[in-house]
Amino acid sequence: MLNYLYADQLEDFPKLKHTMFRDRATQFSERLKWEVAVDENGYEKDEYDAQGPMYAIWRRNDGTHGGSMRMMPTTAPCMVNDHFSHITGGAITSPLIWECTRFCLSPDIGEESARVSAAMMLAVCELGLKFHLQHAIGVFDPRVSRIYRTLGWCPEVIGSSGLGREKIQVGLWDFSEETRHILCVKTGITPELSTMWVERAFDAPVLQEQIA
């Protein structure tokens, strides 16, 4: 199922928190060989995790992490503005544009990888519609463009840098009910169930207070 949690709420789900940050270390540090920090707990965390971001997380039946994405508004410090503004021609700052980063899948997700990947995109779309956003923004490897086409939600590329395997792009994703419907079909998650997960998260009093 999809969980939507602010950073401070992760403490209420210790198994989910532990496995998510450990899986991020496995993916980004061990497999992709990114220059990221891994702490004494084996967690991959950066300065943006300390800013109270929102996490969309696929929680498996045993309570562990299956996949996740981090979202935060571009009105706060964010990766695309702090590190990639040379690609976009300057900072992109709007309360209607949120950044998506740290897409991660559990290393043992196996045959569920395609469905969980689609579910993470559905979660991003749900958040955009819930908060009446215009776009999600993110940095991506052009080699994953095929996945976006398969899912039926391709970004508008607004800048790129590098060549070959070193090439990266920055894209904007539009939010729409049509996209939500397409992603529900791809995941096999009914619109009613997806809506229930979102409403259950954001109708809780503590979350309403944080959103306000």
C-alpha atoms as a PDB file:
ATOM      1  CA  MET A   1       0.000   0.000   0.000  1.00  0.00           C
ATOM      2  CA  LEU A   2       1.012   3.641  -0.406  1.00  0.00           C
ATOM      3  CA  ASN A   3       1.892   5.637   2.686  1.00  0.00           C
ATOM      4  CA  TYR A   4       2.304   9.412   2.666  1.00  0.00           C
ATOM      5  CA  LEU A   5       4.461  10.544   5.579  1.00  0.00           C
ATOM      6  CA  TYR A   6       6.297  13.663   6.649  1.00  0.00           C
ATOM      7  CA  ALA A   7       9.840  13.154   7.902  1.00  0.00           C
ATOM      8  CA  ASP A   8       8.922  13.390  11.583  1.00  0.00           C
ATOM      9  CA  GLN A   9       6.194  10.766  11.153  1.00  0.00           C
ATOM     10  CA  LEU A  10       8.701   8.136  10.088  1.00  0.00           C
ATOM     11  CA  GLU A  11       9.402   7.554  13.777  1.00  0.00           C
ATOM     12  CA  ASP A  12       5.947   5.990  14.046  1.00  0.00           C
ATOM     13  CA  PHE A  13       6.983   3.373  11.455  1.00  0.00           C
ATOM     14  CA  PRO A  14      10.471   2.247  12.584  1.00  0.00           C
ATOM     15  CA  LYS A  15      10.658  -0.811  10.312  1.00  0.00           C
ATOM     16  CA  LEU A  16       9.584   1.244   7.299  1.00  0.00           C
ATOM     17  CA  LYS A  17      12.047   4.022   8.133  1.00  0.00           C
ATOM     18  CA  HIS A  18      14.944   1.600   8.717  1.00  0.00           C
ATOM     19  CA  THR A  19      14.428  -0.365   5.518  1.00  0.00           C
ATOM     20  CA  MET A  20      13.861   2.728   3.359  1.00  0.00           C
ATOM     21  CA  PHE A  21      17.089   4.463   4.316  1.00  0.00           C
ATOM     22  CA  ARG A  22      19.029   1.171   4.172  1.00  0.00           C
ATOM     23  CA  ASP A  23      17.609   0.467   0.715  1.00  0.00           C
ATOM     24  CA  ARG A  24      18.623   3.958  -0.383  1.00  0.00           C
ATOM     25  CA  ALA A  25      22.181   3.214   0.712  1.00  0.00           C
ATOM     26  CA  THR A  26      22.149  -0.048  -1.249  1.00  0.00           C
ATOM     27  CA  GLN A  27      20.819   1.613  -4.395  1.00  0.00           C
ATOM     28  CA  PHE A  28      22.688   4.912  -4.451  1.00  0.00           C
ATOM     29  CA  SER A  29      25.967   4.070  -2.718  1.00  0.00           C
ATOM     30  CA  GLU A  30      26.557   0.390  -3.455  1.00  0.00           C
ATOM     31  CA  ARG A  31      24.865  -0.154  -6.817  1.00  0.00           C
ATOM     32  CA  LEU A  32      24.965   3.227  -8.554  1.00  0.00           C
ATOM     33  CA  LYS A  33      28.224   4.320  -6.874  1.00  0.00           C
ATOM     34  CA  TRP A  34      26.985   7.841  -6.199  1.00  0.00           C
ATOM     35  CA  GLU A  35      29.069   9.959  -3.843  1.00  0.00           C
ATOM     36  CA  VAL A  36      26.539   9.947  -1.015  1.00  0.00           C
ATOM     37  CA  ALA A  37      26.955   9.774   2.746  1.00  0.00           C
ATOM     38  CA  VAL A  38      26.022   6.587   4.593  1.00  0.00           C
ATOM     39  CA  ASP A  39      25.813   6.940   8.379  1.00  0.00           C
ATOM     40  CA  GLU A  40      26.583   4.541  11.225  1.00  0.00           C
ATOM     41  CA  ASN A  41      23.113   3.003  10.899  1.00  0.00           C
ATOM     42  CA  GLY A  42      23.717   2.169   7.257  1.00  0.00           C
ATOM     43  CA  TYR A  43      21.287   4.935   6.213  1.00  0.00           C
ATOM     44  CA  GLU A  44      21.673   7.088   3.111  1.00  0.00           C
ATOM     45  CA  LYS A  45      20.434  10.525   4.138  1.00  0.00           C
ATOM     46  CA  ASP A  46      21.285  14.020   2.967  1.00  0.00           C
ATOM     47  CA  GLU A  47      20.622  17.574   4.109  1.00  0.00           C
ATOM     48  CA  TYR A  48      17.208  17.630   2.445  1.00  0.00           C
ATOM     49  CA  ASP A  49      15.972  14.753   4.579  1.00  0.00           C
ATOM     50  CA  ALA A  50      16.493  17.079   7.556  1.00  0.00           C
ATOM     51  CA  GLN A  51      14.109  19.697   6.124  1.00  0.00           C
ATOM     52  CA  GLY A  52      10.882  17.839   6.853  1.00  0.00           C
ATOM     53  CA  PRO A  53      10.063  16.592   3.345  1.00  0.00           C
ATOM     54  CA  MET A  54       7.128  14.428   2.338  1.00  0.00           C
ATOM     55  CA  TYR A  55       7.771  10.769   1.509  1.00  0.00           C
ATOM     56  CA  ALA A  56       5.550   8.639  -0.671  1.00  0.00           C
ATOM     57  CA  ILE A  57       6.379   5.034   0.261  1.00  0.00           C
ATOM     58  CA  TRP A  58       5.170   1.663  -0.942  1.00  0.00           C
ATOM     59  CA  ARG A  59       4.815  -0.357   2.274  1.00  0.00           C
ATOM     60  CA  ARG A  60       4.816  -4.116   1.877  1.00  0.00           C
ATOM     61  CA  ASN A  61       2.632  -6.462   3.900  1.00  0.00           C
ATOM     62  CA  ASP A  62       5.446  -7.106   6.383  1.00  0.00           C
ATOM     63  CA  GLY A  63       5.854  -3.382   7.034  1.00  0.00           C
ATOM     64  CA  THR A  64       9.087  -2.994   5.063  1.00  0.00           C
ATOM     65  CA  HIS A  65       9.986  -0.585   2.290  1.00  0.00           C
ATOM     66  CA  GLY A  66       9.211  -1.580  -1.283  1.00  0.00           C
ATOM     67  CA  GLY A  67       9.779   1.752  -3.009  1.00  0.00           C
ATOM     68  CA  SER A  68       9.796   5.445  -2.218  1.00  0.00           C
ATOM     69  CA  MET A  69      10.038   8.992  -3.488  1.00  0.00           C
ATOM     70  CA  ARG A  70      10.810  12.237  -1.670  1.00  0.00           C
ATOM     71  CA  MET A  71       8.855  15.415  -2.425  1.00  0.00           C
ATOM     72  CA  MET A  72       9.377  18.971  -1.260  1.00  0.00           C
ATOM     73  CA  PRO A  73       8.355  22.455  -2.427  1.00  0.00           C
ATOM     74  CA  THR A  74      10.735  24.472  -4.587  1.00  0.00           C
ATOM     75  CA  THR A  75      10.114  27.456  -2.310  1.00  0.00           C
ATOM     76  CA  ALA A  76      12.484  25.734   0.148  1.00  0.00           C
ATOM     77  CA  PRO A  77      16.086  24.700  -0.537  1.00  0.00           C
ATOM     78  CA  CYS A  78      16.004  21.790  -2.987  1.00  0.00           C
ATOM     79  CA  MET A  79      18.402  19.860  -5.180  1.00  0.00           C
ATOM     80  CA  VAL A  80      17.288  21.194  -8.544  1.00  0.00           C
ATOM     81  CA  ASN A  81      17.907  24.791  -7.479  1.00  0.00           C
ATOM     82  CA  ASP A  82      20.963  24.208  -5.311  1.00  0.00           C
ATOM     83  CA  HIS A  83      22.837  21.947  -7.734  1.00  0.00           C
ATOM     84  CA  PHE A  84      21.240  22.035 -11.188  1.00  0.00           C
ATOM     85  CA  SER A  85      20.168  25.644 -11.791  1.00  0.00           C
ATOM     86  CA  HIS A  86      22.852  25.872 -14.483  1.00  0.00           C
ATOM     87  CA  ILE A  87      20.771  23.369 -16.458  1.00  0.00           C
ATOM     88  CA  THR A  88      17.454  25.169 -16.014  1.00  0.00           C
ATOM     89  CA  GLY A  89      18.822  28.682 -16.572  1.00  0.00           C
ATOM     90  CA  GLY A  90      18.214  29.763 -13.003  1.00  0.00           C
ATOM     91  CA  ALA A  91      16.286  28.785  -9.920  1.00  0.00           C
ATOM     92  CA  ILE A  92      12.720  27.579 -10.370  1.00  0.00           C
ATOM     93  CA  THR A  93      10.741  28.676  -7.347  1.00  0.00           C
ATOM     94  CA  SER A  94       6.978  28.334  -7.049  1.00  0.00           C
ATOM     95  CA  PRO A  95       4.540  27.058  -4.404  1.00  0.00           C
ATOM     96  CA  LEU A  96       2.855  25.190  -7.276  1.00  0.00           C
ATOM     97  CA  ILE A  97       5.988  23.232  -8.260  1.00  0.00           C
ATOM     98  CA  TRP A  98       7.370  20.489  -6.015  1.00  0.00           C
ATOM     99  CA  GLU A  99      10.617  18.619  -6.500  1.00  0.00           C
ATOM    100  CA  CYS A 100      10.713  14.811  -6.664  1.00  0.00           C
ATOM    101  CA  THR A 101      13.981  13.125  -5.717  1.00  0.00           C
ATOM    102  CA  ARG A 102      15.477   9.923  -4.330  1.00  0.00           C
ATOM    103  CA  PHE A 103      13.323   7.475  -6.256  1.00  0.00           C
ATOM    104  CA  CYS A 104      14.316   4.132  -4.781  1.00  0.00           C
ATOM    105  CA  LEU A 105      13.231   0.512  -5.051  1.00  0.00           C
ATOM    106  CA  SER A 106      14.006  -2.235  -2.575  1.00  0.00           C
ATOM    107  CA  PRO A 107      16.822  -4.426  -3.952  1.00  0.00           C
ATOM    108  CA  ASP A 108      14.670  -7.536  -3.444  1.00  0.00           C
ATOM    109  CA  ILE A 109      11.458  -6.162  -4.982  1.00  0.00           C
ATOM    110  CA  GLY A 110      11.880  -8.613  -7.874  1.00  0.00           C
ATOM    111  CA  GLU A 111       8.919  -9.109 -10.190  1.00  0.00           C
ATOM    112  CA  GLU A 112       7.013  -6.356  -8.397  1.00  0.00           C
ATOM    113  CA  SER A 113       9.441  -3.664  -9.607  1.00  0.00           C
ATOM    114  CA  ALA A 114       7.322  -2.464 -12.549  1.00  0.00           C
ATOM    115  CA  ARG A 115       4.145  -2.229 -10.482  1.00  0.00           C
ATOM    116  CA  VAL A 116       5.850  -0.500  -7.558  1.00  0.00           C
ATOM    117  CA  SER A 117       7.557   1.977  -9.912  1.00  0.00           C
ATOM    118  CA  ALA A 118       4.170   2.821 -11.408  1.00  0.00           C
ATOM    119  CA  ALA A 119       2.700   3.111  -7.912  1.00  0.00           C
ATOM    120  CA  MET A 120       5.342   5.676  -6.977  1.00  0.00           C
ATOM    121  CA  MET A 121       4.428   7.748 -10.026  1.00  0.00           C
ATOM    122  CA  LEU A 122       0.770   7.428  -9.046  1.00  0.00           C
ATOM    123  CA  ALA A 123       1.637   8.697  -5.568  1.00  0.00           C
ATOM    124  CA  VAL A 124       3.349  11.762  -7.039  1.00  0.00           C
ATOM    125  CA  CYS A 125       0.306  12.445  -9.201  1.00  0.00           C
ATOM    126  CA  GLU A 126      -2.032  12.028  -6.226  1.00  0.00           C
ATOM    127  CA  LEU A 127      -0.012  14.513  -4.179  1.00  0.00           C
ATOM    128  CA  GLY A 128      -0.019  17.008  -7.018  1.00  0.00           C
ATOM    129  CA  LEU A 129      -3.788  16.819  -7.367  1.00  0.00           C
ATOM    130  CA  LYS A 130      -4.334  16.840  -3.597  1.00  0.00           C
ATOM    131  CA  PHE A 131      -2.300  20.023  -3.112  1.00  0.00           C
ATOM    132  CA  HIS A 132      -3.492  21.647  -6.379  1.00  0.00           C
ATOM    133  CA  LEU A 133       0.012  21.791  -7.807  1.00  0.00           C
ATOM    134  CA  GLN A 134       0.883  22.553 -11.417  1.00  0.00           C
ATOM    135  CA  HIS A 135       4.066  20.534 -11.872  1.00  0.00           C
ATOM    136  CA  ALA A 136       6.543  18.133 -10.354  1.00  0.00           C
ATOM    137  CA  ILE A 137      10.170  18.800 -11.241  1.00  0.00           C
ATOM    138  CA  GLY A 138      13.041  16.355 -11.175  1.00  0.00           C
ATOM    139  CA  VAL A 139      16.458  15.459 -12.537  1.00  0.00           C
ATOM    140  CA  PHE A 140      16.582  12.189 -14.461  1.00  0.00           C
ATOM    141  CA  ASP A 141      18.746   9.993 -16.637  1.00  0.00           C
ATOM    142  CA  PRO A 142      17.468  10.078 -20.250  1.00  0.00           C
ATOM    143  CA  ARG A 143      17.762   6.277 -20.328  1.00  0.00           C
ATOM    144  CA  VAL A 144      14.667   6.027 -18.124  1.00  0.00           C
ATOM    145  CA  SER A 145      12.561   7.997 -20.612  1.00  0.00           C
ATOM    146  CA  ARG A 146      11.317   4.687 -21.975  1.00  0.00           C
ATOM    147  CA  ILE A 147       9.809   3.898 -18.575  1.00  0.00           C
ATOM    148  CA  TYR A 148       7.952   7.211 -18.509  1.00  0.00           C
ATOM    149  CA  ARG A 149       6.577   6.540 -21.986  1.00  0.00           C
ATOM    150  CA  THR A 150       5.461   3.059 -20.928  1.00  0.00           C
ATOM    151  CA  LEU A 151       3.680   4.528 -17.924  1.00  0.00           C
ATOM    152  CA  GLY A 152       2.036   7.191 -20.061  1.00  0.00           C
ATOM    153  CA  TRP A 153       3.438  10.162 -18.128  1.00  0.00           C
ATOM    154  CA  CYS A 154       6.361  11.809 -19.911  1.00  0.00           C
ATOM    155  CA  PRO A 155       8.018  14.990 -18.649  1.00  0.00           C
ATOM    156  CA  GLU A 156       8.618  18.181 -20.559  1.00  0.00           C
ATOM    157  CA  VAL A 157      12.411  18.434 -20.750  1.00  0.00           C
ATOM    158  CA  ILE A 158      13.497  21.955 -19.795  1.00  0.00           C
ATOM    159  CA  GLY A 159      17.253  21.464 -19.754  1.00  0.00           C
ATOM    160  CA  SER A 160      20.052  18.951 -20.149  1.00  0.00           C
ATOM    161  CA  SER A 161      23.758  18.603 -19.464  1.00  0.00           C
ATOM    162  CA  GLY A 162      26.490  16.154 -20.425  1.00  0.00           C
ATOM    163  CA  LEU A 163      26.819  13.568 -23.149  1.00  0.00           C
ATOM    164  CA  GLY A 164      26.306   9.821 -23.435  1.00  0.00           C
ATOM    165  CA  ARG A 165      26.119   7.982 -20.121  1.00  0.00           C
ATOM    166  CA  GLU A 166      26.921  11.230 -18.309  1.00  0.00           C
ATOM    167  CA  LYS A 167      23.894  13.062 -19.696  1.00  0.00           C
ATOM    168  CA  ILE A 168      21.211  14.248 -17.284  1.00  0.00           C
ATOM    169  CA  GLN A 169      17.992  16.126 -17.884  1.00  0.00           C
ATOM    170  CA  VAL A 170      15.581  18.224 -15.850  1.00  0.00           C
ATOM    171  CA  GLY A 171      11.898  17.707 -16.550  1.00  0.00           C
ATOM    172  CA  LEU A 172       8.477  18.981 -15.554  1.00  0.00           C
ATOM    173  CA  TRP A 173       5.528  16.628 -15.103  1.00  0.00           C
ATOM    174  CA  ASP A 174       1.979  17.993 -15.432  1.00  0.00           C
ATOM    175  CA  PHE A 175      -0.738  16.795 -13.071  1.00  0.00           C
ATOM    176  CA  SER A 176      -4.127  15.737 -14.404  1.00  0.00           C
ATOM    177  CA  GLU A 177      -6.990  13.406 -13.659  1.00  0.00           C
ATOM    178  CA  GLU A 178      -6.317  11.707 -16.995  1.00  0.00           C
ATOM    179  CA  THR A 179      -2.768  10.848 -15.901  1.00  0.00           C
ATOM    180  CA  ARG A 180      -4.096   9.575 -12.575  1.00  0.00           C
ATOM    181  CA  HIS A 181      -6.498   7.268 -14.406  1.00  0.00           C
ATOM    182  CA  ILE A 182      -3.737   5.928 -16.668  1.00  0.00           C
ATOM    183  CA  LEU A 183      -1.466   5.216 -13.703  1.00  0.00           C
ATOM    184  CA  CYS A 184      -4.256   3.480 -11.795  1.00  0.00           C
ATOM    185  CA  VAL A 185      -4.716   1.162 -14.766  1.00  0.00           C
ATOM    186  CA  LYS A 186      -0.970   0.509 -14.980  1.00  0.00           C
ATOM    187  CA  THR A 187      -0.703  -0.349 -11.282  1.00  0.00           C
ATOM    188  CA  GLY A 188      -3.945  -2.282 -10.956  1.00  0.00           C
ATOM    189  CA  ILE A 189      -4.835   0.040  -8.069  1.00  0.00           C
ATOM    190  CA  THR A 190      -8.410   1.234  -8.298  1.00  0.00           C
ATOM    191  CA  PRO A 191      -9.008   5.002  -8.166  1.00  0.00           C
ATOM    192  CA  GLU A 192     -11.179   4.425  -5.094  1.00  0.00           C
ATOM    193  CA  LEU A 193      -8.390   2.639  -3.227  1.00  0.00           C
ATOM    194  CA  SER A 194      -5.799   5.232  -4.227  1.00  0.00           C
ATOM    195  CA  THR A 195      -8.104   8.014  -3.036  1.00  0.00           C
ATOM    196  CA  MET A 196      -8.681   6.214   0.261  1.00  0.00           C
ATOM    197  CA  TRP A 197      -4.930   5.999   0.931  1.00  0.00           C
ATOM    198  CA  VAL A 198      -4.512   9.729   0.283  1.00  0.00           C
ATOM    199  CA  GLU A 199      -7.521  10.789   2.301  1.00  0.00           C
ATOM    200  CA  ARG A 200      -6.564   8.531   5.208  1.00  0.00           C
ATOM    201  CA  ALA A 201      -3.149  10.220   5.314  1.00  0.00           C
ATOM    202  CA  PHE A 202      -4.146  13.841   4.977  1.00  0.00           C
ATOM    203  CA  ASP A 203      -7.439  13.921   6.802  1.00  0.00           C
ATOM    204  CA  ALA A 204      -5.690  13.010  10.074  1.00  0.00           C
ATOM    205  CA  PRO A 205      -5.692  16.064  12.425  1.00  0.00           C
ATOM    206  CA  VAL A 206      -1.901  16.183  12.844  1.00  0.00           C
ATOM    207  CA  LEU A 207      -1.378  16.222   9.079  1.00  0.00           C
ATOM    208  CA  GLN A 208      -4.046  18.854   8.556  1.00  0.00           C
ATOM    209  CA  GLU A 209      -2.219  21.045  11.060  1.00  0.00           C
ATOM    210  CA  GLN A 210       1.092  20.582   9.241  1.00  0.00           C
ATOM    211  CA  ILE A 211      -0.438  21.307   5.836  1.00  0.00           C
ATOM    212  CA  ALA A 212      -2.064  24.487   7.161  1.00  0.00           C
END
